[in-house]
């Protein structure tokens, strides 16, 4: 059995949405740059208002999540038992 502070990976849309909403997170798009220097839109979950981030719908978030073949790496709790906001978008294996 995995300890709650250990990172888990999922591609389950409901699990991702549940995790984010339990932490008052919303789906956003952030501007970034790829290896070639081209501007790209990165998927993120935001826990605060930030004018640099564009709020998007969960439908758009998951459409791009699937198109980019991503997985969601996340942590439920910190080692000391507090609710964690740690997450990372990673390539699927």
PDB file of N, CA and C in Angstrom:
ATOM      1  N   UNK A   1       0.843  -1.190   0.000  1.00  0.00           N
ATOM      2  CA  UNK A   1       0.000   0.000   0.000  1.00  0.00           C
ATOM      3  C   UNK A   1       0.886   1.251   0.000  1.00  0.00           C
ATOM      4  N   UNK A   2       0.503   2.250  -0.784  1.00  0.00           N
ATOM      5  CA  UNK A   2       1.263   3.485  -0.890  1.00  0.00           C
ATOM      6  C   UNK A   2       0.897   4.429   0.249  1.00  0.00           C
ATOM      7  N   UNK A   3       1.916   5.008   0.899  1.00  0.00           N
ATOM      8  CA  UNK A   3       1.670   6.003   1.938  1.00  0.00           C
ATOM      9  C   UNK A   3       1.086   7.252   1.295  1.00  0.00           C
ATOM     10  N   UNK A   4       0.239   7.986   2.032  1.00  0.00           N
ATOM     11  CA  UNK A   4      -0.436   9.151   1.458  1.00  0.00           C
ATOM     12  C   UNK A   4       0.529  10.261   1.059  1.00  0.00           C
ATOM     13  N   UNK A   5       1.738  10.263   1.623  1.00  0.00           N
ATOM     14  CA  UNK A   5       2.684  11.322   1.259  1.00  0.00           C
ATOM     15  C   UNK A   5       3.538  10.954   0.044  1.00  0.00           C
ATOM     16  N   UNK A   6       3.432   9.722  -0.420  1.00  0.00           N
ATOM     17  CA  UNK A   6       4.175   9.316  -1.605  1.00  0.00           C
ATOM     18  C   UNK A   6       3.435   9.770  -2.855  1.00  0.00           C
ATOM     19  N   UNK A   7       4.182  10.178  -3.874  1.00  0.00           N
ATOM     20  CA  UNK A   7       3.575  10.650  -5.118  1.00  0.00           C
ATOM     21  C   UNK A   7       2.919   9.494  -5.865  1.00  0.00           C
ATOM     22  N   UNK A   8       1.792   9.810  -6.497  1.00  0.00           N
ATOM     23  CA  UNK A   8       1.056   8.852  -7.318  1.00  0.00           C
ATOM     24  C   UNK A   8       0.880   9.458  -8.702  1.00  0.00           C
ATOM     25  N   UNK A   9       0.657   8.626  -9.673  1.00  0.00           N
ATOM     26  CA  UNK A   9       0.411   9.089 -11.037  1.00  0.00           C
ATOM     27  C   UNK A   9      -0.924   8.547 -11.504  1.00  0.00           C
ATOM     28  N   UNK A  10      -1.683   9.406 -12.204  1.00  0.00           N
ATOM     29  CA  UNK A  10      -2.967   8.981 -12.738  1.00  0.00           C
ATOM     30  C   UNK A  10      -3.229   9.669 -14.077  1.00  0.00           C
ATOM     31  N   UNK A  11      -4.107   9.058 -14.859  1.00  0.00           N
ATOM     32  CA  UNK A  11      -4.632   9.700 -16.063  1.00  0.00           C
ATOM     33  C   UNK A  11      -6.161   9.816 -15.953  1.00  0.00           C
ATOM     34  N   UNK A  12      -6.709   9.436 -14.808  1.00  0.00           N
ATOM     35  CA  UNK A  12      -8.141   9.452 -14.564  1.00  0.00           C
ATOM     36  C   UNK A  12      -8.628  10.893 -14.372  1.00  0.00           C
ATOM     37  N   UNK A  13      -9.482  11.352 -15.264  1.00  0.00           N
ATOM     38  CA  UNK A  13      -9.942  12.738 -15.240  1.00  0.00           C
ATOM     39  C   UNK A  13     -10.663  13.087 -13.950  1.00  0.00           C
ATOM     40  N   UNK A  14     -11.527  12.226 -13.476  1.00  0.00           N
ATOM     41  CA  UNK A  14     -12.273  12.511 -12.245  1.00  0.00           C
ATOM     42  C   UNK A  14     -11.348  12.571 -11.024  1.00  0.00           C
ATOM     43  N   UNK A  15     -10.363  11.719 -10.983  1.00  0.00           N
ATOM     44  CA  UNK A  15      -9.407  11.732  -9.874  1.00  0.00           C
ATOM     45  C   UNK A  15      -8.617  13.047  -9.860  1.00  0.00           C
ATOM     46  N   UNK A  16      -8.205  13.502 -11.036  1.00  0.00           N
ATOM     47  CA  UNK A  16      -7.458  14.763 -11.152  1.00  0.00           C
ATOM     48  C   UNK A  16      -8.340  15.935 -10.732  1.00  0.00           C
ATOM     49  N   UNK A  17      -9.546  15.971 -11.249  1.00  0.00           N
ATOM     50  CA  UNK A  17     -10.466  17.072 -10.918  1.00  0.00           C
ATOM     51  C   UNK A  17     -10.803  17.074  -9.433  1.00  0.00           C
ATOM     52  N   UNK A  18     -11.063  15.905  -8.863  1.00  0.00           N
ATOM     53  CA  UNK A  18     -11.367  15.798  -7.433  1.00  0.00           C
ATOM     54  C   UNK A  18     -10.214  16.348  -6.605  1.00  0.00           C
ATOM     55  N   UNK A  19      -8.983  15.940  -6.945  1.00  0.00           N
ATOM     56  CA  UNK A  19      -7.797  16.378  -6.216  1.00  0.00           C
ATOM     57  C   UNK A  19      -7.681  17.906  -6.270  1.00  0.00           C
ATOM     58  N   UNK A  20      -7.807  18.478  -7.468  1.00  0.00           N
ATOM     59  CA  UNK A  20      -7.658  19.926  -7.645  1.00  0.00           C
ATOM     60  C   UNK A  20      -8.749  20.701  -6.907  1.00  0.00           C
ATOM     61  N   UNK A  21      -9.992  20.303  -7.081  1.00  0.00           N
ATOM     62  CA  UNK A  21     -11.099  21.042  -6.474  1.00  0.00           C
ATOM     63  C   UNK A  21     -11.084  20.935  -4.951  1.00  0.00           C
ATOM     64  N   UNK A  22     -10.581  19.843  -4.408  1.00  0.00           N
ATOM     65  CA  UNK A  22     -10.464  19.707  -2.952  1.00  0.00           C
ATOM     66  C   UNK A  22      -9.468  20.713  -2.379  1.00  0.00           C
ATOM     67  N   UNK A  23      -8.626  21.259  -3.244  1.00  0.00           N
ATOM     68  CA  UNK A  23      -7.611  22.238  -2.831  1.00  0.00           C
ATOM     69  C   UNK A  23      -7.905  23.623  -3.404  1.00  0.00           C
ATOM     70  N   UNK A  24      -9.140  23.821  -3.872  1.00  0.00           N
ATOM     71  CA  UNK A  24      -9.571  25.064  -4.502  1.00  0.00           C
ATOM     72  C   UNK A  24      -8.751  25.402  -5.742  1.00  0.00           C
ATOM     73  N   UNK A  25      -8.319  24.379  -6.457  1.00  0.00           N
ATOM     74  CA  UNK A  25      -7.565  24.571  -7.683  1.00  0.00           C
ATOM     75  C   UNK A  25      -8.472  24.647  -8.891  1.00  0.00           C
ATOM     76  N   UNK A  26      -8.033  25.416  -9.888  1.00  0.00           N
ATOM     77  CA  UNK A  26      -8.776  25.559 -11.142  1.00  0.00           C
ATOM     78  C   UNK A  26      -7.828  25.320 -12.309  1.00  0.00           C
ATOM     79  N   UNK A  27      -8.351  24.823 -13.438  1.00  0.00           N
ATOM     80  CA  UNK A  27      -7.496  24.586 -14.607  1.00  0.00           C
ATOM     81  C   UNK A  27      -7.135  25.900 -15.291  1.00  0.00           C
ATOM     82  N   UNK A  28      -5.866  26.027 -15.654  1.00  0.00           N
ATOM     83  CA  UNK A  28      -5.380  27.234 -16.325  1.00  0.00           C
ATOM     84  C   UNK A  28      -4.393  26.862 -17.417  1.00  0.00           C
ATOM     85  N   UNK A  29      -4.129  27.852 -18.256  1.00  0.00           N
ATOM     86  CA  UNK A  29      -3.115  27.741 -19.289  1.00  0.00           C
ATOM     87  C   UNK A  29      -2.087  28.827 -19.011  1.00  0.00           C
ATOM     88  N   UNK A  30      -0.819  28.461 -19.078  1.00  0.00           N
ATOM     89  CA  UNK A  30       0.266  29.409 -18.835  1.00  0.00           C
ATOM     90  C   UNK A  30       1.167  29.452 -20.050  1.00  0.00           C
ATOM     91  N   UNK A  31       1.689  30.614 -20.360  1.00  0.00           N
ATOM     92  CA  UNK A  31       2.613  30.739 -21.492  1.00  0.00           C
ATOM     93  C   UNK A  31       3.972  30.184 -21.096  1.00  0.00           C
ATOM     94  N   UNK A  32       4.567  29.470 -22.021  1.00  0.00           N
ATOM     95  CA  UNK A  32       5.894  28.910 -21.813  1.00  0.00           C
ATOM     96  C   UNK A  32       6.650  28.906 -23.130  1.00  0.00           C
ATOM     97  N   UNK A  33       7.851  28.363 -23.090  1.00  0.00           N
ATOM     98  CA  UNK A  33       8.705  28.285 -24.268  1.00  0.00           C
ATOM     99  C   UNK A  33       9.255  26.868 -24.357  1.00  0.00           C
ATOM    100  N   UNK A  34       9.209  26.288 -25.560  1.00  0.00           N
ATOM    101  CA  UNK A  34       9.745  24.935 -25.736  1.00  0.00           C
ATOM    102  C   UNK A  34      11.250  24.982 -26.032  1.00  0.00           C
ATOM    103  N   UNK A  35      11.833  23.812 -26.292  1.00  0.00           N
ATOM    104  CA  UNK A  35      13.280  23.707 -26.526  1.00  0.00           C
ATOM    105  C   UNK A  35      13.747  24.534 -27.721  1.00  0.00           C
ATOM    106  N   UNK A  36      12.849  24.745 -28.698  1.00  0.00           N
ATOM    107  CA  UNK A  36      13.199  25.498 -29.899  1.00  0.00           C
ATOM    108  C   UNK A  36      12.983  27.002 -29.741  1.00  0.00           C
ATOM    109  N   UNK A  37      12.520  27.421 -28.562  1.00  0.00           N
ATOM    110  CA  UNK A  37      12.265  28.836 -28.331  1.00  0.00           C
ATOM    111  C   UNK A  37      10.894  29.291 -28.780  1.00  0.00           C
ATOM    112  N   UNK A  38      10.044  28.335 -29.195  1.00  0.00           N
ATOM    113  CA  UNK A  38       8.691  28.669 -29.626  1.00  0.00           C
ATOM    114  C   UNK A  38       7.773  28.795 -28.417  1.00  0.00           C
ATOM    115  N   UNK A  39       6.866  29.769 -28.481  1.00  0.00           N
ATOM    116  CA  UNK A  39       5.916  29.957 -27.392  1.00  0.00           C
ATOM    117  C   UNK A  39       4.876  28.834 -27.405  1.00  0.00           C
ATOM    118  N   UNK A  40       4.583  28.308 -26.235  1.00  0.00           N
ATOM    119  CA  UNK A  40       3.588  27.245 -26.098  1.00  0.00           C
ATOM    120  C   UNK A  40       2.684  27.561 -24.904  1.00  0.00           C
ATOM    121  N   UNK A  41       1.536  26.914 -24.850  1.00  0.00           N
ATOM    122  CA  UNK A  41       0.613  27.055 -23.734  1.00  0.00           C
ATOM    123  C   UNK A  41       0.719  25.808 -22.866  1.00  0.00           C
ATOM    124  N   UNK A  42       1.078  25.997 -21.612  1.00  0.00           N
ATOM    125  CA  UNK A  42       1.267  24.889 -20.684  1.00  0.00           C
ATOM    126  C   UNK A  42       0.025  24.694 -19.830  1.00  0.00           C
ATOM    127  N   UNK A  43      -0.332  23.465 -19.570  1.00  0.00           N
ATOM    128  CA  UNK A  43      -1.446  23.168 -18.666  1.00  0.00           C
ATOM    129  C   UNK A  43      -0.963  23.233 -17.229  1.00  0.00           C
ATOM    130  N   UNK A  44      -1.777  23.850 -16.399  1.00  0.00           N
ATOM    131  CA  UNK A  44      -1.459  23.955 -14.983  1.00  0.00           C
ATOM    132  C   UNK A  44      -2.757  23.924 -14.185  1.00  0.00           C
ATOM    133  N   UNK A  45      -2.616  23.797 -12.880  1.00  0.00           N
ATOM    134  CA  UNK A  45      -3.712  23.998 -11.950  1.00  0.00           C
ATOM    135  C   UNK A  45      -3.268  25.131 -11.041  1.00  0.00           C
ATOM    136  N   UNK A  46      -4.128  26.125 -10.909  1.00  0.00           N
ATOM    137  CA  UNK A  46      -3.787  27.286 -10.103  1.00  0.00           C
ATOM    138  C   UNK A  46      -4.606  27.288  -8.821  1.00  0.00           C
ATOM    139  N   UNK A  47      -3.956  27.712  -7.753  1.00  0.00           N
ATOM    140  CA  UNK A  47      -4.611  27.778  -6.448  1.00  0.00           C
ATOM    141  C   UNK A  47      -4.835  29.220  -5.999  1.00  0.00           C
ATOM    142  N   UNK A  48      -4.579  30.170  -6.906  1.00  0.00           N
ATOM    143  CA  UNK A  48      -4.767  31.591  -6.592  1.00  0.00           C
ATOM    144  C   UNK A  48      -5.034  32.340  -7.895  1.00  0.00           C
ATOM    145  N   UNK A  49      -5.575  33.544  -7.776  1.00  0.00           N
ATOM    146  CA  UNK A  49      -5.772  34.387  -8.954  1.00  0.00           C
ATOM    147  C   UNK A  49      -4.420  34.901  -9.419  1.00  0.00           C
ATOM    148  N   UNK A  50      -4.171  34.781 -10.695  1.00  0.00           N
ATOM    149  CA  UNK A  50      -2.927  35.268 -11.276  1.00  0.00           C
ATOM    150  C   UNK A  50      -3.246  35.760 -12.682  1.00  0.00           C
ATOM    151  N   UNK A  51      -3.102  37.066 -12.928  1.00  0.00           N
ATOM    152  CA  UNK A  51      -3.446  37.593 -14.247  1.00  0.00           C
ATOM    153  C   UNK A  51      -2.585  37.027 -15.376  1.00  0.00           C
ATOM    154  N   UNK A  52      -1.466  36.430 -15.052  1.00  0.00           N
ATOM    155  CA  UNK A  52      -0.603  35.842 -16.086  1.00  0.00           C
ATOM    156  C   UNK A  52      -1.134  34.492 -16.567  1.00  0.00           C
ATOM    157  N   UNK A  53      -2.114  33.952 -15.856  1.00  0.00           N
ATOM    158  CA  UNK A  53      -2.672  32.646 -16.193  1.00  0.00           C
ATOM    159  C   UNK A  53      -4.072  32.813 -16.767  1.00  0.00           C
ATOM    160  N   UNK A  54      -4.383  32.017 -17.777  1.00  0.00           N
ATOM    161  CA  UNK A  54      -5.705  32.061 -18.405  1.00  0.00           C
ATOM    162  C   UNK A  54      -6.535  30.893 -17.899  1.00  0.00           C
ATOM    163  N   UNK A  55      -7.641  31.199 -17.254  1.00  0.00           N
ATOM    164  CA  UNK A  55      -8.546  30.160 -16.765  1.00  0.00           C
ATOM    165  C   UNK A  55      -9.179  29.457 -17.959  1.00  0.00           C
ATOM    166  N   UNK A  56      -9.221  28.125 -17.925  1.00  0.00           N
ATOM    167  CA  UNK A  56      -9.845  27.336 -18.974  1.00  0.00           C
ATOM    168  C   UNK A  56     -10.841  26.365 -18.344  1.00  0.00           C
ATOM    169  N   UNK A  57     -11.702  25.796 -19.160  1.00  0.00           N
ATOM    170  CA  UNK A  57     -12.685  24.834 -18.651  1.00  0.00           C
ATOM    171  C   UNK A  57     -12.001  23.487 -18.399  1.00  0.00           C
ATOM    172  N   UNK A  58     -12.651  22.675 -17.587  1.00  0.00           N
ATOM    173  CA  UNK A  58     -12.129  21.319 -17.377  1.00  0.00           C
ATOM    174  C   UNK A  58     -12.159  20.544 -18.691  1.00  0.00           C
ATOM    175  N   UNK A  59     -13.173  20.775 -19.522  1.00  0.00           N
ATOM    176  CA  UNK A  59     -13.235  20.074 -20.810  1.00  0.00           C
ATOM    177  C   UNK A  59     -12.020  20.403 -21.667  1.00  0.00           C
ATOM    178  N   UNK A  60     -11.669  21.691 -21.763  1.00  0.00           N
ATOM    179  CA  UNK A  60     -10.488  22.086 -22.532  1.00  0.00           C
ATOM    180  C   UNK A  60      -9.217  21.521 -21.907  1.00  0.00           C
ATOM    181  N   UNK A  61      -9.146  21.576 -20.591  1.00  0.00           N
ATOM    182  CA  UNK A  61      -7.981  21.040 -19.881  1.00  0.00           C
ATOM    183  C   UNK A  61      -7.763  19.571 -20.240  1.00  0.00           C
ATOM    184  N   UNK A  62      -8.821  18.778 -20.133  1.00  0.00           N
ATOM    185  CA  UNK A  62      -8.667  17.342 -20.381  1.00  0.00           C
ATOM    186  C   UNK A  62      -8.500  17.016 -21.866  1.00  0.00           C
ATOM    187  N   UNK A  63      -9.049  17.830 -22.741  1.00  0.00           N
ATOM    188  CA  UNK A  63      -8.816  17.622 -24.170  1.00  0.00           C
ATOM    189  C   UNK A  63      -7.331  17.804 -24.480  1.00  0.00           C
ATOM    190  N   UNK A  64      -6.741  18.858 -23.969  1.00  0.00           N
ATOM    191  CA  UNK A  64      -5.315  19.095 -24.188  1.00  0.00           C
ATOM    192  C   UNK A  64      -4.456  18.086 -23.435  1.00  0.00           C
ATOM    193  N   UNK A  65      -4.891  17.674 -22.254  1.00  0.00           N
ATOM    194  CA  UNK A  65      -4.214  16.654 -21.460  1.00  0.00           C
ATOM    195  C   UNK A  65      -4.072  15.367 -22.274  1.00  0.00           C
ATOM    196  N   UNK A  66      -5.157  14.977 -22.952  1.00  0.00           N
ATOM    197  CA  UNK A  66      -5.142  13.771 -23.780  1.00  0.00           C
ATOM    198  C   UNK A  66      -4.341  13.988 -25.064  1.00  0.00           C
ATOM    199  N   UNK A  67      -4.535  15.137 -25.707  1.00  0.00           N
ATOM    200  CA  UNK A  67      -3.796  15.433 -26.950  1.00  0.00           C
ATOM    201  C   UNK A  67      -2.290  15.415 -26.725  1.00  0.00           C
ATOM    202  N   UNK A  68      -1.853  15.894 -25.561  1.00  0.00           N
ATOM    203  CA  UNK A  68      -0.418  15.956 -25.249  1.00  0.00           C
ATOM    204  C   UNK A  68       0.091  14.665 -24.601  1.00  0.00           C
ATOM    205  N   UNK A  69      -0.813  13.680 -24.428  1.00  0.00           N
ATOM    206  CA  UNK A  69      -0.455  12.376 -23.861  1.00  0.00           C
ATOM    207  C   UNK A  69       0.222  12.527 -22.496  1.00  0.00           C
ATOM    208  N   UNK A  70      -0.435  13.302 -21.610  1.00  0.00           N
ATOM    209  CA  UNK A  70       0.119  13.592 -20.295  1.00  0.00           C
ATOM    210  C   UNK A  70      -0.445  12.671 -19.219  1.00  0.00           C
ATOM    211  N   UNK A  71       0.264  12.625 -18.123  1.00  0.00           N
ATOM    212  CA  UNK A  71      -0.184  11.968 -16.895  1.00  0.00           C
ATOM    213  C   UNK A  71      -0.027  12.995 -15.781  1.00  0.00           C
ATOM    214  N   UNK A  72      -0.736  12.787 -14.683  1.00  0.00           N
ATOM    215  CA  UNK A  72      -0.758  13.712 -13.552  1.00  0.00           C
ATOM    216  C   UNK A  72      -0.065  13.056 -12.366  1.00  0.00           C
ATOM    217  N   UNK A  73       1.062  13.606 -11.978  1.00  0.00           N
ATOM    218  CA  UNK A  73       1.820  13.139 -10.816  1.00  0.00           C
ATOM    219  C   UNK A  73       1.428  14.040  -9.657  1.00  0.00           C
ATOM    220  N   UNK A  74       1.008  13.455  -8.533  1.00  0.00           N
ATOM    221  CA  UNK A  74       0.515  14.284  -7.433  1.00  0.00           C
ATOM    222  C   UNK A  74       0.742  13.614  -6.082  1.00  0.00           C
ATOM    223  N   UNK A  75       0.542  14.417  -5.049  1.00  0.00           N
ATOM    224  CA  UNK A  75       0.705  13.956  -3.668  1.00  0.00           C
ATOM    225  C   UNK A  75      -0.557  14.337  -2.901  1.00  0.00           C
ATOM    226  N   UNK A  76      -1.128  13.414  -2.155  1.00  0.00           N
ATOM    227  CA  UNK A  76      -2.317  13.697  -1.337  1.00  0.00           C
ATOM    228  C   UNK A  76      -1.956  14.506  -0.098  1.00  0.00           C
ATOM    229  N   UNK A  77      -0.909  14.059   0.609  1.00  0.00           N
ATOM    230  CA  UNK A  77      -0.508  14.703   1.859  1.00  0.00           C
ATOM    231  C   UNK A  77       1.002  14.854   1.907  1.00  0.00           C
ATOM    232  N   UNK A  78       1.445  15.836   2.687  1.00  0.00           N
ATOM    233  CA  UNK A  78       2.873  15.974   2.946  1.00  0.00           C
ATOM    234  C   UNK A  78       3.280  14.901   3.953  1.00  0.00           C
ATOM    235  N   UNK A  79       4.558  14.724   4.161  1.00  0.00           N
ATOM    236  CA  UNK A  79       5.043  13.706   5.109  1.00  0.00           C
ATOM    237  C   UNK A  79       4.530  13.963   6.520  1.00  0.00           C
ATOM    238  N   UNK A  80       4.255  15.227   6.858  1.00  0.00           N
ATOM    239  CA  UNK A  80       3.754  15.535   8.205  1.00  0.00           C
ATOM    240  C   UNK A  80       2.219  15.536   8.279  1.00  0.00           C
ATOM    241  N   UNK A  81       1.557  15.033   7.216  1.00  0.00           N
ATOM    242  CA  UNK A  81       0.113  14.834   7.242  1.00  0.00           C
ATOM    243  C   UNK A  81      -0.738  15.988   6.773  1.00  0.00           C
ATOM    244  N   UNK A  82      -0.140  17.078   6.315  1.00  0.00           N
ATOM    245  CA  UNK A  82      -0.913  18.215   5.819  1.00  0.00           C
ATOM    246  C   UNK A  82      -1.311  17.977   4.361  1.00  0.00           C
ATOM    247  N   UNK A  83      -2.412  18.587   3.937  1.00  0.00           N
ATOM    248  CA  UNK A  83      -2.874  18.469   2.559  1.00  0.00           C
ATOM    249  C   UNK A  83      -1.816  19.065   1.626  1.00  0.00           C
ATOM    250  N   UNK A  84      -1.422  18.302   0.641  1.00  0.00           N
ATOM    251  CA  UNK A  84      -0.383  18.726  -0.289  1.00  0.00           C
ATOM    252  C   UNK A  84      -0.986  19.315  -1.558  1.00  0.00           C
ATOM    253  N   UNK A  85      -0.291  20.299  -2.125  1.00  0.00           N
ATOM    254  CA  UNK A  85      -0.655  20.851  -3.425  1.00  0.00           C
ATOM    255  C   UNK A  85       0.390  20.480  -4.477  1.00  0.00           C
ATOM    256  N   UNK A  86       1.266  19.556  -4.144  1.00  0.00           N
ATOM    257  CA  UNK A  86       2.299  19.168  -5.101  1.00  0.00           C
ATOM    258  C   UNK A  86       1.684  18.397  -6.256  1.00  0.00           C
ATOM    259  N   UNK A  87       2.003  18.839  -7.482  1.00  0.00           N
ATOM    260  CA  UNK A  87       1.611  18.099  -8.677  1.00  0.00           C
ATOM    261  C   UNK A  87       2.582  18.456  -9.788  1.00  0.00           C
ATOM    262  N   UNK A  88       2.562  17.630 -10.815  1.00  0.00           N
ATOM    263  CA  UNK A  88       3.397  17.868 -11.987  1.00  0.00           C
ATOM    264  C   UNK A  88       2.766  17.140 -13.160  1.00  0.00           C
ATOM    265  N   UNK A  89       2.766  17.774 -14.317  1.00  0.00           N
ATOM    266  CA  UNK A  89       2.341  17.116 -15.543  1.00  0.00           C
ATOM    267  C   UNK A  89       3.550  16.396 -16.116  1.00  0.00           C
ATOM    268  N   UNK A  90       3.389  15.120 -16.420  1.00  0.00           N
ATOM    269  CA  UNK A  90       4.497  14.325 -16.933  1.00  0.00           C
ATOM    270  C   UNK A  90       4.037  13.566 -18.173  1.00  0.00           C
ATOM    271  N   UNK A  91       4.997  13.136 -18.974  1.00  0.00           N
ATOM    272  CA  UNK A  91       4.673  12.315 -20.134  1.00  0.00           C
ATOM    273  C   UNK A  91       4.231  10.935 -19.670  1.00  0.00           C
ATOM    274  N   UNK A  92       3.280  10.374 -20.386  1.00  0.00           N
ATOM    275  CA  UNK A  92       2.846   9.009 -20.062  1.00  0.00           C
ATOM    276  C   UNK A  92       3.932   8.021 -20.454  1.00  0.00           C
ATOM    277  N   UNK A  93       4.015   6.970 -19.685  1.00  0.00           N
ATOM    278  CA  UNK A  93       4.986   5.907 -20.004  1.00  0.00           C
ATOM    279  C   UNK A  93       4.495   5.057 -21.144  1.00  0.00           C
TER     280      UNK A  93
END
